[in-house]
Amino acid sequence: MSDHIRNTGPMLASPRCGAKTRASGACRSPAVQGKKRCRMHGGAHGSGALKANQNARKHGLFTRDAIAERRQIQALLGEARRLLEEMR
């Protein structure tokens, strides 16, 4: 084996990314210096949309209003299903 001593202290003590993963946990990769996210989740230099980018949010599918509207529709459909079950 090697006589090399690994100095992992600074990396273990560094701030973590915390971006939400597909498994609904936190990323836990080391954040890029001076940023809150890792290189894979938007901390890399040049990542993200420009300040004046009009195409950054094109469709608005995940705006607060759109999400609220979908929830209202789901609630209305649930009520309709319950009403139909009661009528049987």
PDB file of N, CA and C in Angstrom:
ATOM      1  N   MET A   1       0.833  -1.192   0.000  1.00  0.00           N
ATOM      2  CA  MET A   1       0.000   0.000   0.000  1.00  0.00           C
ATOM      3  C   MET A   1       0.875   1.252   0.000  1.00  0.00           C
ATOM      4  N   SER A   2       0.266   2.367  -0.165  1.00  0.00           N
ATOM      5  CA  SER A   2       0.980   3.630  -0.279  1.00  0.00           C
ATOM      6  C   SER A   2       1.156   4.292   1.080  1.00  0.00           C
ATOM      7  N   ASP A   3       2.209   5.089   1.206  1.00  0.00           N
ATOM      8  CA  ASP A   3       2.458   5.842   2.435  1.00  0.00           C
ATOM      9  C   ASP A   3       1.729   7.186   2.410  1.00  0.00           C
ATOM     10  N   HIS A   4       1.015   7.462   1.323  1.00  0.00           N
ATOM     11  CA  HIS A   4       0.358   8.756   1.126  1.00  0.00           C
ATOM     12  C   HIS A   4      -0.765   8.939   2.146  1.00  0.00           C
ATOM     13  N   ILE A   5      -0.752  10.074   2.827  1.00  0.00           N
ATOM     14  CA  ILE A   5      -1.810  10.405   3.787  1.00  0.00           C
ATOM     15  C   ILE A   5      -2.827  11.280   3.066  1.00  0.00           C
ATOM     16  N   ARG A   6      -4.057  10.866   3.114  1.00  0.00           N
ATOM     17  CA  ARG A   6      -5.117  11.628   2.456  1.00  0.00           C
ATOM     18  C   ARG A   6      -5.658  12.685   3.405  1.00  0.00           C
ATOM     19  N   ASN A   7      -5.790  13.882   2.886  1.00  0.00           N
ATOM     20  CA  ASN A   7      -6.327  14.983   3.670  1.00  0.00           C
ATOM     21  C   ASN A   7      -7.738  15.272   3.160  1.00  0.00           C
ATOM     22  N   THR A   8      -8.721  14.583   3.697  1.00  0.00           N
ATOM     23  CA  THR A   8     -10.110  14.748   3.240  1.00  0.00           C
ATOM     24  C   THR A   8     -10.914  15.654   4.158  1.00  0.00           C
ATOM     25  N   GLY A   9     -10.290  16.175   5.189  1.00  0.00           N
ATOM     26  CA  GLY A   9     -10.997  17.031   6.146  1.00  0.00           C
ATOM     27  C   GLY A   9     -11.703  18.215   5.517  1.00  0.00           C
ATOM     28  N   PRO A  10     -11.004  19.040   4.701  1.00  0.00           N
ATOM     29  CA  PRO A  10     -11.677  20.203   4.125  1.00  0.00           C
ATOM     30  C   PRO A  10     -12.875  19.839   3.248  1.00  0.00           C
ATOM     31  N   MET A  11     -12.779  18.761   2.476  1.00  0.00           N
ATOM     32  CA  MET A  11     -13.901  18.378   1.623  1.00  0.00           C
ATOM     33  C   MET A  11     -15.085  17.895   2.463  1.00  0.00           C
ATOM     34  N   LEU A  12     -14.806  17.153   3.517  1.00  0.00           N
ATOM     35  CA  LEU A  12     -15.894  16.659   4.362  1.00  0.00           C
ATOM     36  C   LEU A  12     -16.572  17.803   5.113  1.00  0.00           C
ATOM     37  N   ALA A  13     -15.834  18.872   5.385  1.00  0.00           N
ATOM     38  CA  ALA A  13     -16.386  20.007   6.113  1.00  0.00           C
ATOM     39  C   ALA A  13     -17.026  21.044   5.191  1.00  0.00           C
ATOM     40  N   SER A  14     -16.894  20.878   3.875  1.00  0.00           N
ATOM     41  CA  SER A  14     -17.421  21.876   2.946  1.00  0.00           C
ATOM     42  C   SER A  14     -18.942  21.854   2.925  1.00  0.00           C
ATOM     43  N   PRO A  15     -19.571  22.988   2.546  1.00  0.00           N
ATOM     44  CA  PRO A  15     -21.038  23.027   2.454  1.00  0.00           C
ATOM     45  C   PRO A  15     -21.527  22.071   1.364  1.00  0.00           C
ATOM     46  N   ARG A  16     -22.695  21.511   1.548  1.00  0.00           N
ATOM     47  CA  ARG A  16     -23.257  20.533   0.615  1.00  0.00           C
ATOM     48  C   ARG A  16     -24.307  21.167  -0.270  1.00  0.00           C
ATOM     49  N   CYS A  17     -24.571  20.527  -1.391  1.00  0.00           N
ATOM     50  CA  CYS A  17     -25.455  21.050  -2.420  1.00  0.00           C
ATOM     51  C   CYS A  17     -26.898  21.174  -1.912  1.00  0.00           C
ATOM     52  N   GLY A  18     -27.520  20.095  -1.547  1.00  0.00           N
ATOM     53  CA  GLY A  18     -28.881  20.155  -1.037  1.00  0.00           C
ATOM     54  C   GLY A  18     -29.965  20.223  -2.093  1.00  0.00           C
ATOM     55  N   ALA A  19     -29.628  20.109  -3.380  1.00  0.00           N
ATOM     56  CA  ALA A  19     -30.652  20.107  -4.426  1.00  0.00           C
ATOM     57  C   ALA A  19     -31.479  18.832  -4.291  1.00  0.00           C
ATOM     58  N   LYS A  20     -32.743  18.914  -4.626  1.00  0.00           N
ATOM     59  CA  LYS A  20     -33.623  17.757  -4.504  1.00  0.00           C
ATOM     60  C   LYS A  20     -33.345  16.770  -5.634  1.00  0.00           C
ATOM     61  N   THR A  21     -33.128  15.501  -5.279  1.00  0.00           N
ATOM     62  CA  THR A  21     -32.846  14.478  -6.276  1.00  0.00           C
ATOM     63  C   THR A  21     -34.130  13.786  -6.699  1.00  0.00           C
ATOM     64  N   ARG A  22     -34.027  12.902  -7.678  1.00  0.00           N
ATOM     65  CA  ARG A  22     -35.206  12.165  -8.136  1.00  0.00           C
ATOM     66  C   ARG A  22     -35.758  11.253  -7.054  1.00  0.00           C
ATOM     67  N   ALA A  23     -34.894  10.829  -6.150  1.00  0.00           N
ATOM     68  CA  ALA A  23     -35.318   9.964  -5.042  1.00  0.00           C
ATOM     69  C   ALA A  23     -35.845  10.797  -3.876  1.00  0.00           C
ATOM     70  N   SER A  24     -36.062  12.082  -4.087  1.00  0.00           N
ATOM     71  CA  SER A  24     -36.597  13.059  -3.139  1.00  0.00           C
ATOM     72  C   SER A  24     -35.699  13.298  -1.939  1.00  0.00           C
ATOM     73  N   GLY A  25     -34.430  12.970  -2.053  1.00  0.00           N
ATOM     74  CA  GLY A  25     -33.473  13.288  -1.004  1.00  0.00           C
ATOM     75  C   GLY A  25     -32.636  14.485  -1.431  1.00  0.00           C
ATOM     76  N   ALA A  26     -31.673  14.847  -0.590  1.00  0.00           N
ATOM     77  CA  ALA A  26     -30.778  15.951  -0.928  1.00  0.00           C
ATOM     78  C   ALA A  26     -29.569  15.413  -1.674  1.00  0.00           C
ATOM     79  N   CYS A  27     -28.958  16.225  -2.513  1.00  0.00           N
ATOM     80  CA  CYS A  27     -27.837  15.817  -3.359  1.00  0.00           C
ATOM     81  C   CYS A  27     -26.613  15.458  -2.529  1.00  0.00           C
ATOM     82  N   ARG A  28     -26.219  16.266  -1.614  1.00  0.00           N
ATOM     83  CA  ARG A  28     -25.089  16.042  -0.703  1.00  0.00           C
ATOM     84  C   ARG A  28     -23.722  16.088  -1.362  1.00  0.00           C
ATOM     85  N   SER A  29     -23.600  16.474  -2.620  1.00  0.00           N
ATOM     86  CA  SER A  29     -22.296  16.685  -3.241  1.00  0.00           C
ATOM     87  C   SER A  29     -21.746  18.016  -2.737  1.00  0.00           C
ATOM     88  N   PRO A  30     -20.428  18.188  -2.745  1.00  0.00           N
ATOM     89  CA  PRO A  30     -19.879  19.462  -2.287  1.00  0.00           C
ATOM     90  C   PRO A  30     -20.324  20.610  -3.191  1.00  0.00           C
ATOM     91  N   ALA A  31     -20.730  21.709  -2.582  1.00  0.00           N
ATOM     92  CA  ALA A  31     -21.154  22.876  -3.352  1.00  0.00           C
ATOM     93  C   ALA A  31     -19.940  23.557  -3.958  1.00  0.00           C
ATOM     94  N   VAL A  32     -20.151  24.229  -5.082  1.00  0.00           N
ATOM     95  CA  VAL A  32     -19.093  24.990  -5.731  1.00  0.00           C
ATOM     96  C   VAL A  32     -18.758  26.169  -4.820  1.00  0.00           C
ATOM     97  N   GLN A  33     -17.487  26.529  -4.759  1.00  0.00           N
ATOM     98  CA  GLN A  33     -17.048  27.595  -3.880  1.00  0.00           C
ATOM     99  C   GLN A  33     -17.782  28.900  -4.197  1.00  0.00           C
ATOM    100  N   GLY A  34     -18.419  29.463  -3.187  1.00  0.00           N
ATOM    101  CA  GLY A  34     -19.146  30.716  -3.348  1.00  0.00           C
ATOM    102  C   GLY A  34     -20.575  30.552  -3.831  1.00  0.00           C
ATOM    103  N   LYS A  35     -21.018  29.319  -4.038  1.00  0.00           N
ATOM    104  CA  LYS A  35     -22.391  29.069  -4.495  1.00  0.00           C
ATOM    105  C   LYS A  35     -23.056  28.054  -3.574  1.00  0.00           C
ATOM    106  N   LYS A  36     -24.367  27.877  -3.749  1.00  0.00           N
ATOM    107  CA  LYS A  36     -25.112  26.962  -2.883  1.00  0.00           C
ATOM    108  C   LYS A  36     -25.364  25.604  -3.516  1.00  0.00           C
ATOM    109  N   ARG A  37     -25.006  25.442  -4.788  1.00  0.00           N
ATOM    110  CA  ARG A  37     -25.262  24.192  -5.495  1.00  0.00           C
ATOM    111  C   ARG A  37     -23.972  23.589  -6.014  1.00  0.00           C
ATOM    112  N   CYS A  38     -24.007  22.282  -6.293  1.00  0.00           N
ATOM    113  CA  CYS A  38     -22.839  21.595  -6.842  1.00  0.00           C
ATOM    114  C   CYS A  38     -22.741  21.877  -8.342  1.00  0.00           C
ATOM    115  N   ARG A  39     -21.682  21.378  -8.967  1.00  0.00           N
ATOM    116  CA  ARG A  39     -21.464  21.639 -10.383  1.00  0.00           C
ATOM    117  C   ARG A  39     -22.542  21.010 -11.253  1.00  0.00           C
ATOM    118  N   MET A  40     -23.174  19.956 -10.774  1.00  0.00           N
ATOM    119  CA  MET A  40     -24.196  19.275 -11.565  1.00  0.00           C
ATOM    120  C   MET A  40     -25.571  19.939 -11.447  1.00  0.00           C
ATOM    121  N   HIS A  41     -25.801  20.718 -10.390  1.00  0.00           N
ATOM    122  CA  HIS A  41     -27.115  21.302 -10.157  1.00  0.00           C
ATOM    123  C   HIS A  41     -27.126  22.822 -10.275  1.00  0.00           C
ATOM    124  N   GLY A  42     -26.232  23.369 -11.079  1.00  0.00           N
ATOM    125  CA  GLY A  42     -26.304  24.790 -11.374  1.00  0.00           C
ATOM    126  C   GLY A  42     -25.248  25.648 -10.727  1.00  0.00           C
ATOM    127  N   GLY A  43     -24.269  25.071 -10.066  1.00  0.00           N
ATOM    128  CA  GLY A  43     -23.230  25.876  -9.446  1.00  0.00           C
ATOM    129  C   GLY A  43     -22.072  26.166 -10.366  1.00  0.00           C
ATOM    130  N   ALA A  44     -22.005  25.484 -11.507  1.00  0.00           N
ATOM    131  CA  ALA A  44     -20.882  25.644 -12.426  1.00  0.00           C
ATOM    132  C   ALA A  44     -20.911  27.023 -13.075  1.00  0.00           C
ATOM    133  N   HIS A  45     -19.752  27.521 -13.436  1.00  0.00           N
ATOM    134  CA  HIS A  45     -19.638  28.819 -14.086  1.00  0.00           C
ATOM    135  C   HIS A  45     -20.386  28.804 -15.426  1.00  0.00           C
ATOM    136  N   GLY A  46     -21.229  29.786 -15.634  1.00  0.00           N
ATOM    137  CA  GLY A  46     -21.947  29.906 -16.891  1.00  0.00           C
ATOM    138  C   GLY A  46     -23.234  29.098 -16.951  1.00  0.00           C
ATOM    139  N   SER A  47     -23.600  28.427 -15.885  1.00  0.00           N
ATOM    140  CA  SER A  47     -24.839  27.644 -15.927  1.00  0.00           C
ATOM    141  C   SER A  47     -26.026  28.540 -15.612  1.00  0.00           C
ATOM    142  N   GLY A  48     -27.171  28.153 -16.069  1.00  0.00           N
ATOM    143  CA  GLY A  48     -28.386  28.914 -15.845  1.00  0.00           C
ATOM    144  C   GLY A  48     -28.660  29.881 -16.981  1.00  0.00           C
ATOM    145  N   ALA A  49     -29.838  30.420 -16.976  1.00  0.00           N
ATOM    146  CA  ALA A  49     -30.243  31.352 -18.021  1.00  0.00           C
ATOM    147  C   ALA A  49     -29.657  32.733 -17.757  1.00  0.00           C
ATOM    148  N   LEU A  50     -29.466  33.501 -18.798  1.00  0.00           N
ATOM    149  CA  LEU A  50     -29.003  34.869 -18.660  1.00  0.00           C
ATOM    150  C   LEU A  50     -30.099  35.708 -18.024  1.00  0.00           C
ATOM    151  N   LYS A  51     -29.720  36.847 -17.474  1.00  0.00           N
ATOM    152  CA  LYS A  51     -30.691  37.708 -16.780  1.00  0.00           C
ATOM    153  C   LYS A  51     -31.799  38.194 -17.718  1.00  0.00           C
ATOM    154  N   ALA A  52     -31.471  38.499 -18.957  1.00  0.00           N
ATOM    155  CA  ALA A  52     -32.466  39.034 -19.892  1.00  0.00           C
ATOM    156  C   ALA A  52     -33.042  37.953 -20.805  1.00  0.00           C
ATOM    157  N   ASN A  53     -32.873  36.685 -20.467  1.00  0.00           N
ATOM    158  CA  ASN A  53     -33.332  35.604 -21.332  1.00  0.00           C
ATOM    159  C   ASN A  53     -34.852  35.481 -21.252  1.00  0.00           C
ATOM    160  N   GLN A  54     -35.510  35.710 -22.364  1.00  0.00           N
ATOM    161  CA  GLN A  54     -36.966  35.624 -22.406  1.00  0.00           C
ATOM    162  C   GLN A  54     -37.448  34.180 -22.549  1.00  0.00           C
ATOM    163  N   ASN A  55     -36.556  33.268 -22.934  1.00  0.00           N
ATOM    164  CA  ASN A  55     -36.924  31.876 -23.121  1.00  0.00           C
ATOM    165  C   ASN A  55     -36.677  31.027 -21.881  1.00  0.00           C
ATOM    166  N   ALA A  56     -36.286  31.629 -20.790  1.00  0.00           N
ATOM    167  CA  ALA A  56     -35.965  30.868 -19.592  1.00  0.00           C
ATOM    168  C   ALA A  56     -37.204  30.127 -19.077  1.00  0.00           C
ATOM    169  N   ARG A  57     -38.360  30.745 -19.200  1.00  0.00           N
ATOM    170  CA  ARG A  57     -39.591  30.091 -18.772  1.00  0.00           C
ATOM    171  C   ARG A  57     -40.620  30.275 -19.870  1.00  0.00           C
ATOM    172  N   LYS A  58     -40.673  29.314 -20.774  1.00  0.00           N
ATOM    173  CA  LYS A  58     -41.487  29.464 -21.965  1.00  0.00           C
ATOM    174  C   LYS A  58     -42.941  29.075 -21.745  1.00  0.00           C
ATOM    175  N   HIS A  59     -43.173  27.955 -21.103  1.00  0.00           N
ATOM    176  CA  HIS A  59     -44.527  27.422 -21.058  1.00  0.00           C
ATOM    177  C   HIS A  59     -45.279  27.745 -19.774  1.00  0.00           C
ATOM    178  N   GLY A  60     -44.598  27.972 -18.659  1.00  0.00           N
ATOM    179  CA  GLY A  60     -45.279  28.314 -17.415  1.00  0.00           C
ATOM    180  C   GLY A  60     -46.024  27.152 -16.791  1.00  0.00           C
ATOM    181  N   LEU A  61     -45.639  25.915 -17.101  1.00  0.00           N
ATOM    182  CA  LEU A  61     -46.337  24.738 -16.595  1.00  0.00           C
ATOM    183  C   LEU A  61     -46.194  24.586 -15.094  1.00  0.00           C
ATOM    184  N   PHE A  62     -45.103  25.081 -14.523  1.00  0.00           N
ATOM    185  CA  PHE A  62     -44.861  24.889 -13.105  1.00  0.00           C
ATOM    186  C   PHE A  62     -44.903  26.185 -12.314  1.00  0.00           C
ATOM    187  N   THR A  63     -45.669  27.161 -12.790  1.00  0.00           N
ATOM    188  CA  THR A  63     -45.857  28.384 -12.018  1.00  0.00           C
ATOM    189  C   THR A  63     -46.842  28.089 -10.883  1.00  0.00           C
ATOM    190  N   ARG A  64     -46.840  28.940  -9.873  1.00  0.00           N
ATOM    191  CA  ARG A  64     -47.747  28.740  -8.738  1.00  0.00           C
ATOM    192  C   ARG A  64     -49.206  28.679  -9.192  1.00  0.00           C
ATOM    193  N   ASP A  65     -49.548  29.556 -10.123  1.00  0.00           N
ATOM    194  CA  ASP A  65     -50.930  29.606 -10.599  1.00  0.00           C
ATOM    195  C   ASP A  65     -51.323  28.318 -11.313  1.00  0.00           C
ATOM    196  N   ALA A  66     -50.425  27.796 -12.149  1.00  0.00           N
ATOM    197  CA  ALA A  66     -50.729  26.571 -12.894  1.00  0.00           C
ATOM    198  C   ALA A  66     -50.861  25.381 -11.948  1.00  0.00           C
ATOM    199  N   ILE A  67     -49.998  25.300 -10.957  1.00  0.00           N
ATOM    200  CA  ILE A  67     -50.063  24.202  -9.992  1.00  0.00           C
ATOM    201  C   ILE A  67     -51.347  24.295  -9.188  1.00  0.00           C
ATOM    202  N   ALA A  68     -51.708  25.502  -8.750  1.00  0.00           N
ATOM    203  CA  ALA A  68     -52.942  25.695  -7.983  1.00  0.00           C
ATOM    204  C   ALA A  68     -54.168  25.320  -8.814  1.00  0.00           C
ATOM    205  N   GLU A  69     -54.150  25.694 -10.084  1.00  0.00           N
ATOM    206  CA  GLU A  69     -55.275  25.364 -10.967  1.00  0.00           C
ATOM    207  C   GLU A  69     -55.418  23.848 -11.133  1.00  0.00           C
ATOM    208  N   ARG A  70     -54.291  23.152 -11.307  1.00  0.00           N
ATOM    209  CA  ARG A  70     -54.349  21.691 -11.438  1.00  0.00           C
ATOM    210  C   ARG A  70     -54.867  21.039 -10.163  1.00  0.00           C
ATOM    211  N   ARG A  71     -54.488  21.579  -9.017  1.00  0.00           N
ATOM    212  CA  ARG A  71     -54.982  21.025  -7.748  1.00  0.00           C
ATOM    213  C   ARG A  71     -56.480  21.228  -7.605  1.00  0.00           C
ATOM    214  N   GLN A  72     -56.977  22.384  -8.017  1.00  0.00           N
ATOM    215  CA  GLN A  72     -58.417  22.645  -7.964  1.00  0.00           C
ATOM    216  C   GLN A  72     -59.173  21.691  -8.880  1.00  0.00           C
ATOM    217  N   ILE A  73     -58.626  21.457 -10.059  1.00  0.00           N
ATOM    218  CA  ILE A  73     -59.265  20.534 -11.003  1.00  0.00           C
ATOM    219  C   ILE A  73     -59.289  19.127 -10.429  1.00  0.00           C
ATOM    220  N   GLN A  74     -58.180  18.697  -9.819  1.00  0.00           N
ATOM    221  CA  GLN A  74     -58.131  17.360  -9.210  1.00  0.00           C
ATOM    222  C   GLN A  74     -59.139  17.238  -8.078  1.00  0.00           C
ATOM    223  N   ALA A  75     -59.283  18.283  -7.269  1.00  0.00           N
ATOM    224  CA  ALA A  75     -60.260  18.263  -6.178  1.00  0.00           C
ATOM    225  C   ALA A  75     -61.680  18.174  -6.730  1.00  0.00           C
ATOM    226  N   LEU A  76     -61.973  18.931  -7.790  1.00  0.00           N
ATOM    227  CA  LEU A  76     -63.291  18.907  -8.420  1.00  0.00           C
ATOM    228  C   LEU A  76     -63.593  17.529  -9.001  1.00  0.00           C
ATOM    229  N   LEU A  77     -62.601  16.918  -9.646  1.00  0.00           N
ATOM    230  CA  LEU A  77     -62.784  15.567 -10.189  1.00  0.00           C
ATOM    231  C   LEU A  77     -63.014  14.547  -9.074  1.00  0.00           C
ATOM    232  N   GLY A  78     -62.315  14.717  -7.970  1.00  0.00           N
ATOM    233  CA  GLY A  78     -62.506  13.815  -6.829  1.00  0.00           C
ATOM    234  C   GLY A  78     -63.922  13.915  -6.277  1.00  0.00           C
ATOM    235  N   GLU A  79     -64.417  15.140  -6.168  1.00  0.00           N
ATOM    236  CA  GLU A  79     -65.790  15.343  -5.690  1.00  0.00           C
ATOM    237  C   GLU A  79     -66.792  14.710  -6.654  1.00  0.00           C
ATOM    238  N   ALA A  80     -66.575  14.870  -7.955  1.00  0.00           N
ATOM    239  CA  ALA A  80     -67.476  14.297  -8.952  1.00  0.00           C
ATOM    240  C   ALA A  80     -67.472  12.769  -8.858  1.00  0.00           C
ATOM    241  N   ARG A  81     -66.296  12.175  -8.665  1.00  0.00           N
ATOM    242  CA  ARG A  81     -66.226  10.712  -8.521  1.00  0.00           C
ATOM    243  C   ARG A  81     -66.986  10.236  -7.289  1.00  0.00           C
ATOM    244  N   ARG A  82     -66.823  10.968  -6.174  1.00  0.00           N
ATOM    245  CA  ARG A  82     -67.541  10.595  -4.944  1.00  0.00           C
ATOM    246  C   ARG A  82     -69.046  10.704  -5.138  1.00  0.00           C
ATOM    247  N   LEU A  83     -69.473  11.740  -5.827  1.00  0.00           N
ATOM    248  CA  LEU A  83     -70.908  11.932  -6.096  1.00  0.00           C
ATOM    249  C   LEU A  83     -71.452  10.805  -6.951  1.00  0.00           C
ATOM    250  N   LEU A  84     -70.698  10.397  -7.960  1.00  0.00           N
ATOM    251  CA  LEU A  84     -71.135   9.300  -8.832  1.00  0.00           C
ATOM    252  C   LEU A  84     -71.195   7.988  -8.058  1.00  0.00           C
ATOM    253  N   GLU A  85     -70.256   7.783  -7.141  1.00  0.00           N
ATOM    254  CA  GLU A  85     -70.286   6.547  -6.342  1.00  0.00           C
ATOM    255  C   GLU A  85     -71.503   6.533  -5.425  1.00  0.00           C
ATOM    256  N   GLU A  86     -71.889   7.695  -4.881  1.00  0.00           N
ATOM    257  CA  GLU A  86     -73.058   7.773  -4.010  1.00  0.00           C
ATOM    258  C   GLU A  86     -74.344   7.527  -4.784  1.00  0.00           C
ATOM    259  N   MET A  87     -74.366   7.894  -6.061  1.00  0.00           N
ATOM    260  CA  MET A  87     -75.561   7.745  -6.871  1.00  0.00           C
ATOM    261  C   MET A  87     -75.802   6.277  -7.265  1.00  0.00           C
ATOM    262  N   ARG A  88     -74.788   5.460  -7.211  1.00  0.00           N
ATOM    263  CA  ARG A  88     -74.948   4.048  -7.607  1.00  0.00           C
ATOM    264  C   ARG A  88     -75.777   3.286  -6.648  1.00  0.00           C
TER     265      ARG A  88
END
